[in-house]
């Protein structure tokens, strides 16, 4: 994972740096250098970020499906 990829994932999740560090259970002062590219991003962080993004997609899909079933005829095309 590149620093740009980490930043992009954070933005997809709608988080600021402090919130992303909290989600990754890492200190803010550890997280920021990863995103700036001044420290290597650990492999476990890459896996955790991928899981956070996937979880976000699952939640959004579940919400969309629930809304579609609650309001028949308004499904996506």
Protein backbone atom coordinates (compact mmCIF):
# COMPACT_ATOMS: atom_id res chain seq x y z
CA UNK A 1 0.00 0.00 0.00
CA UNK A 2 1.25 3.43 -0.90
CA UNK A 3 0.75 6.60 1.14
CA UNK A 4 -1.63 7.82 -1.59
CA UNK A 5 -3.60 4.57 -1.33
CA UNK A 6 -3.83 4.93 2.43
CA UNK A 7 -5.06 8.51 2.08
CA UNK A 8 -7.57 7.47 -0.59
CA UNK A 9 -8.92 4.70 1.65
CA UNK A 10 -9.27 7.16 4.51
CA UNK A 11 -11.24 9.52 2.31
CA UNK A 12 -13.48 6.70 1.04
CA UNK A 13 -14.28 5.94 4.67
CA UNK A 14 -15.01 9.61 5.32
CA UNK A 15 -12.51 9.84 8.16
CA UNK A 16 -9.96 12.44 9.17
CA UNK A 17 -6.45 11.37 10.15
CA UNK A 18 -7.21 11.14 13.86
CA UNK A 19 -10.30 9.02 13.22
CA UNK A 20 -8.40 6.72 10.86
CA UNK A 21 -5.65 6.25 13.43
CA UNK A 22 -8.31 5.42 16.00
CA UNK A 23 -9.95 2.88 13.65
CA UNK A 24 -6.54 1.25 13.14
CA UNK A 25 -5.92 1.36 16.91
CA UNK A 26 -2.63 3.13 16.40
CA UNK A 27 -1.36 6.42 17.78
CA UNK A 28 -1.97 9.48 15.60
CA UNK A 29 1.77 10.24 15.68
CA UNK A 30 2.41 6.78 14.21
CA UNK A 31 -0.30 7.05 11.54
CA UNK A 32 0.60 10.44 10.05
CA UNK A 33 4.09 9.44 8.82
CA UNK A 34 2.54 6.47 6.99
CA UNK A 35 0.22 8.76 5.07
CA UNK A 36 2.98 11.31 4.42
CA UNK A 37 5.31 8.61 3.12
CA UNK A 38 8.00 9.25 5.72
CA UNK A 39 7.53 5.85 7.38
CA UNK A 40 6.85 2.42 5.92
CA UNK A 41 3.24 1.27 6.16
CA UNK A 42 3.18 -2.10 7.96
CA UNK A 43 1.60 -5.01 6.12
CA UNK A 44 -0.89 -5.54 8.92
CA UNK A 45 -2.06 -1.95 8.45
CA UNK A 46 -2.68 -2.62 4.77
CA UNK A 47 -4.81 -5.65 5.63
CA UNK A 48 -6.73 -3.69 8.28
CA UNK A 49 -7.43 -0.83 5.86
CA UNK A 50 -8.68 -3.25 3.20
CA UNK A 51 -11.01 -4.82 5.77
CA UNK A 52 -12.32 -1.42 6.89
CA UNK A 53 -13.10 -0.44 3.29
CA UNK A 54 -14.75 -3.81 2.60
CA UNK A 55 -16.81 -3.55 5.79
CA UNK A 56 -17.96 -0.08 4.74
CA UNK A 57 -19.08 -1.48 1.36
CA UNK A 58 -20.99 -4.33 3.06
CA UNK A 59 -22.76 -1.90 5.38
CA UNK A 60 -23.74 0.39 2.50
CA UNK A 61 -25.00 -2.58 0.47
CA UNK A 62 -27.07 -3.82 3.41
CA UNK A 63 -28.57 -0.36 3.88
CA UNK A 64 -29.38 -0.10 0.18
CA UNK A 65 -31.01 -3.54 0.16
CA UNK A 66 -33.03 -2.75 3.27
CA UNK A 67 -34.25 0.52 1.76
CA UNK A 68 -35.14 -1.21 -1.51
CA UNK A 69 -37.18 -3.84 0.34
CA UNK A 70 -38.90 -1.20 2.45
CA UNK A 71 -39.88 0.87 -0.57
CA UNK A 72 -40.76 -1.52 -3.42
CA UNK A 73 -40.47 -0.08 -6.89
CA UNK A 74 -37.70 2.33 -5.95
CA UNK A 75 -34.79 -0.04 -6.50
CA UNK A 76 -31.68 1.00 -8.37
CA UNK A 77 -31.44 0.53 -12.11
